[in-house]
Amino acid sequence: MKSDSISIMLLFVTFFSFAGWYMAETDNQILAQENSQLKAQTIHHE
């Protein structure tokens, strides 16, 4: 019984870790796109 609860806790920790990593990776891609757009705008304004 105790090992079952430990296994379930590890499963949830693993799931939330990967979910957090996925959200951070998606956010990084969005920020990279915004950054490249801002660089393109500053080049055109100079």
PDB file of N, CA and C in Angstrom:
ATOM      1  N   MET A   1       0.826  -1.195   0.000  1.00  0.00           N
ATOM      2  CA  MET A   1       0.000   0.000   0.000  1.00  0.00           C
ATOM      3  C   MET A   1       0.869   1.257   0.000  1.00  0.00           C
ATOM      4  N   LYS A   2       1.917   1.262   0.813  1.00  0.00           N
ATOM      5  CA  LYS A   2       2.785   2.431   0.869  1.00  0.00           C
ATOM      6  C   LYS A   2       3.534   2.610  -0.450  1.00  0.00           C
ATOM      7  N   SER A   3       3.968   1.528  -1.054  1.00  0.00           N
ATOM      8  CA  SER A   3       4.688   1.630  -2.321  1.00  0.00           C
ATOM      9  C   SER A   3       3.765   2.123  -3.438  1.00  0.00           C
ATOM     10  N   ASP A   4       2.480   1.803  -3.349  1.00  0.00           N
ATOM     11  CA  ASP A   4       1.525   2.299  -4.342  1.00  0.00           C
ATOM     12  C   ASP A   4       1.419   3.817  -4.266  1.00  0.00           C
ATOM     13  N   SER A   5       1.328   4.355  -3.073  1.00  0.00           N
ATOM     14  CA  SER A   5       1.206   5.808  -2.937  1.00  0.00           C
ATOM     15  C   SER A   5       2.490   6.504  -3.385  1.00  0.00           C
ATOM     16  N   ILE A   6       3.645   5.891  -3.113  1.00  0.00           N
ATOM     17  CA  ILE A   6       4.915   6.467  -3.572  1.00  0.00           C
ATOM     18  C   ILE A   6       4.973   6.443  -5.092  1.00  0.00           C
ATOM     19  N   SER A   7       4.528   5.375  -5.702  1.00  0.00           N
ATOM     20  CA  SER A   7       4.516   5.279  -7.160  1.00  0.00           C
ATOM     21  C   SER A   7       3.594   6.321  -7.774  1.00  0.00           C
ATOM     22  N   ILE A   8       2.436   6.514  -7.169  1.00  0.00           N
ATOM     23  CA  ILE A   8       1.501   7.520  -7.682  1.00  0.00           C
ATOM     24  C   ILE A   8       2.094   8.922  -7.535  1.00  0.00           C
ATOM     25  N   MET A   9       2.745   9.192  -6.417  1.00  0.00           N
ATOM     26  CA  MET A   9       3.374  10.497  -6.228  1.00  0.00           C
ATOM     27  C   MET A   9       4.473  10.724  -7.257  1.00  0.00           C
ATOM     28  N   LEU A  10       5.287   9.711  -7.514  1.00  0.00           N
ATOM     29  CA  LEU A  10       6.344   9.844  -8.518  1.00  0.00           C
ATOM     30  C   LEU A  10       5.756  10.060  -9.906  1.00  0.00           C
ATOM     31  N   LEU A  11       4.671   9.398 -10.205  1.00  0.00           N
ATOM     32  CA  LEU A  11       4.002   9.578 -11.490  1.00  0.00           C
ATOM     33  C   LEU A  11       3.528  11.021 -11.656  1.00  0.00           C
ATOM     34  N   PHE A  12       2.895  11.576 -10.617  1.00  0.00           N
ATOM     35  CA  PHE A  12       2.423  12.958 -10.689  1.00  0.00           C
ATOM     36  C   PHE A  12       3.577  13.948 -10.787  1.00  0.00           C
ATOM     37  N   VAL A  13       4.638  13.708 -10.011  1.00  0.00           N
ATOM     38  CA  VAL A  13       5.797  14.600 -10.066  1.00  0.00           C
ATOM     39  C   VAL A  13       6.407  14.581 -11.468  1.00  0.00           C
ATOM     40  N   THR A  14       6.532  13.395 -12.046  1.00  0.00           N
ATOM     41  CA  THR A  14       7.078  13.281 -13.398  1.00  0.00           C
ATOM     42  C   THR A  14       6.188  13.979 -14.407  1.00  0.00           C
ATOM     43  N   PHE A  15       4.886  13.780 -14.296  1.00  0.00           N
ATOM     44  CA  PHE A  15       3.947  14.409 -15.227  1.00  0.00           C
ATOM     45  C   PHE A  15       4.035  15.926 -15.142  1.00  0.00           C
ATOM     46  N   PHE A  16       4.000  16.476 -13.917  1.00  0.00           N
ATOM     47  CA  PHE A  16       4.033  17.931 -13.774  1.00  0.00           C
ATOM     48  C   PHE A  16       5.389  18.501 -14.174  1.00  0.00           C
ATOM     49  N   SER A  17       6.456  17.739 -13.981  1.00  0.00           N
ATOM     50  CA  SER A  17       7.768  18.211 -14.425  1.00  0.00           C
ATOM     51  C   SER A  17       7.805  18.349 -15.938  1.00  0.00           C
ATOM     52  N   PHE A  18       7.318  17.331 -16.649  1.00  0.00           N
ATOM     53  CA  PHE A  18       7.310  17.405 -18.105  1.00  0.00           C
ATOM     54  C   PHE A  18       6.328  18.460 -18.602  1.00  0.00           C
ATOM     55  N   ALA A  19       5.202  18.635 -17.914  1.00  0.00           N
ATOM     56  CA  ALA A  19       4.242  19.666 -18.309  1.00  0.00           C
ATOM     57  C   ALA A  19       4.872  21.047 -18.143  1.00  0.00           C
ATOM     58  N   GLY A  20       5.585  21.270 -17.058  1.00  0.00           N
ATOM     59  CA  GLY A  20       6.265  22.541 -16.837  1.00  0.00           C
ATOM     60  C   GLY A  20       7.347  22.784 -17.863  1.00  0.00           C
ATOM     61  N   TRP A  21       8.116  21.735 -18.188  1.00  0.00           N
ATOM     62  CA  TRP A  21       9.156  21.871 -19.206  1.00  0.00           C
ATOM     63  C   TRP A  21       8.540  22.215 -20.552  1.00  0.00           C
ATOM     64  N   TYR A  22       7.436  21.571 -20.896  1.00  0.00           N
ATOM     65  CA  TYR A  22       6.779  21.834 -22.182  1.00  0.00           C
ATOM     66  C   TYR A  22       6.281  23.279 -22.257  1.00  0.00           C
ATOM     67  N   MET A  23       5.687  23.772 -21.179  1.00  0.00           N
ATOM     68  CA  MET A  23       5.190  25.155 -21.185  1.00  0.00           C
ATOM     69  C   MET A  23       6.348  26.150 -21.294  1.00  0.00           C
ATOM     70  N   ALA A  24       7.449  25.874 -20.608  1.00  0.00           N
ATOM     71  CA  ALA A  24       8.605  26.768 -20.684  1.00  0.00           C
ATOM     72  C   ALA A  24       9.203  26.748 -22.090  1.00  0.00           C
ATOM     73  N   GLU A  25       9.268  25.590 -22.693  1.00  0.00           N
ATOM     74  CA  GLU A  25       9.819  25.476 -24.050  1.00  0.00           C
ATOM     75  C   GLU A  25       8.933  26.223 -25.049  1.00  0.00           C
ATOM     76  N   THR A  26       7.627  26.104 -24.914  1.00  0.00           N
ATOM     77  CA  THR A  26       6.709  26.822 -25.793  1.00  0.00           C
ATOM     78  C   THR A  26       6.859  28.325 -25.594  1.00  0.00           C
ATOM     79  N   ASP A  27       7.001  28.760 -24.349  1.00  0.00           N
ATOM     80  CA  ASP A  27       7.184  30.174 -24.062  1.00  0.00           C
ATOM     81  C   ASP A  27       8.486  30.682 -24.664  1.00  0.00           C
ATOM     82  N   ASN A  28       9.539  29.880 -24.605  1.00  0.00           N
ATOM     83  CA  ASN A  28      10.818  30.274 -25.202  1.00  0.00           C
ATOM     84  C   ASN A  28      10.687  30.463 -26.706  1.00  0.00           C
ATOM     85  N   GLN A  29       9.939  29.592 -27.366  1.00  0.00           N
ATOM     86  CA  GLN A  29       9.760  29.721 -28.809  1.00  0.00           C
ATOM     87  C   GLN A  29       8.983  30.987 -29.145  1.00  0.00           C
ATOM     88  N   ILE A  30       7.955  31.296 -28.353  1.00  0.00           N
ATOM     89  CA  ILE A  30       7.175  32.521 -28.585  1.00  0.00           C
ATOM     90  C   ILE A  30       8.062  33.747 -28.385  1.00  0.00           C
ATOM     91  N   LEU A  31       8.856  33.741 -27.322  1.00  0.00           N
ATOM     92  CA  LEU A  31       9.741  34.880 -27.065  1.00  0.00           C
ATOM     93  C   LEU A  31      10.792  35.026 -28.161  1.00  0.00           C
ATOM     94  N   ALA A  32      11.298  33.931 -28.676  1.00  0.00           N
ATOM     95  CA  ALA A  32      12.276  34.001 -29.766  1.00  0.00           C
ATOM     96  C   ALA A  32      11.651  34.612 -31.017  1.00  0.00           C
ATOM     97  N   GLN A  33      10.405  34.250 -31.314  1.00  0.00           N
ATOM     98  CA  GLN A  33       9.718  34.829 -32.467  1.00  0.00           C
ATOM     99  C   GLN A  33       9.501  36.331 -32.263  1.00  0.00           C
ATOM    100  N   GLU A  34       9.068  36.728 -31.066  1.00  0.00           N
ATOM    101  CA  GLU A  34       8.857  38.145 -30.786  1.00  0.00           C
ATOM    102  C   GLU A  34      10.172  38.907 -30.875  1.00  0.00           C
ATOM    103  N   ASN A  35      11.246  38.311 -30.387  1.00  0.00           N
ATOM    104  CA  ASN A  35      12.555  38.948 -30.416  1.00  0.00           C
ATOM    105  C   ASN A  35      13.016  39.155 -31.852  1.00  0.00           C
ATOM    106  N   SER A  36      12.816  38.166 -32.696  1.00  0.00           N
ATOM    107  CA  SER A  36      13.240  38.311 -34.091  1.00  0.00           C
ATOM    108  C   SER A  36      12.397  39.369 -34.800  1.00  0.00           C
ATOM    109  N   GLN A  37      11.117  39.473 -34.454  1.00  0.00           N
ATOM    110  CA  GLN A  37      10.267  40.514 -35.040  1.00  0.00           C
ATOM    111  C   GLN A  37      10.717  41.894 -34.590  1.00  0.00           C
ATOM    112  N   LEU A  38      11.073  42.028 -33.315  1.00  0.00           N
ATOM    113  CA  LEU A  38      11.548  43.321 -32.816  1.00  0.00           C
ATOM    114  C   LEU A  38      12.869  43.706 -33.475  1.00  0.00           C
ATOM    115  N   LYS A  39      13.755  42.739 -33.668  1.00  0.00           N
ATOM    116  CA  LYS A  39      15.020  43.028 -34.348  1.00  0.00           C
ATOM    117  C   LYS A  39      14.768  43.474 -35.777  1.00  0.00           C
ATOM    118  N   ALA A  40      13.824  42.842 -36.448  1.00  0.00           N
ATOM    119  CA  ALA A  40      13.498  43.212 -37.825  1.00  0.00           C
ATOM    120  C   ALA A  40      12.927  44.629 -37.863  1.00  0.00           C
ATOM    121  N   GLN A  41      12.137  44.999 -36.881  1.00  0.00           N
ATOM    122  CA  GLN A  41      11.554  46.342 -36.841  1.00  0.00           C
ATOM    123  C   GLN A  41      12.636  47.389 -36.595  1.00  0.00           C
ATOM    124  N   THR A  42      13.573  47.099 -35.711  1.00  0.00           N
ATOM    125  CA  THR A  42      14.614  48.090 -35.410  1.00  0.00           C
ATOM    126  C   THR A  42      15.547  48.264 -36.601  1.00  0.00           C
ATOM    127  N   ILE A  43      15.763  47.213 -37.358  1.00  0.00           N
ATOM    128  CA  ILE A  43      16.623  47.321 -38.550  1.00  0.00           C
ATOM    129  C   ILE A  43      15.939  48.222 -39.581  1.00  0.00           C
ATOM    130  N   HIS A  44      14.644  48.096 -39.749  1.00  0.00           N
ATOM    131  CA  HIS A  44      13.929  48.904 -40.741  1.00  0.00           C
ATOM    132  C   HIS A  44      13.824  50.365 -40.324  1.00  0.00           C
ATOM    133  N   HIS A  45      13.854  50.629 -39.006  1.00  0.00           N
ATOM    134  CA  HIS A  45      13.712  52.014 -38.540  1.00  0.00           C
ATOM    135  C   HIS A  45      15.024  52.771 -38.602  1.00  0.00           C
ATOM    136  N   GLU A  46      16.142  52.088 -38.690  1.00  0.00           N
ATOM    137  CA  GLU A  46      17.444  52.790 -38.669  1.00  0.00           C
ATOM    138  C   GLU A  46      17.797  53.410 -39.982  1.00  0.00           C
TER     139      GLU A  46
END
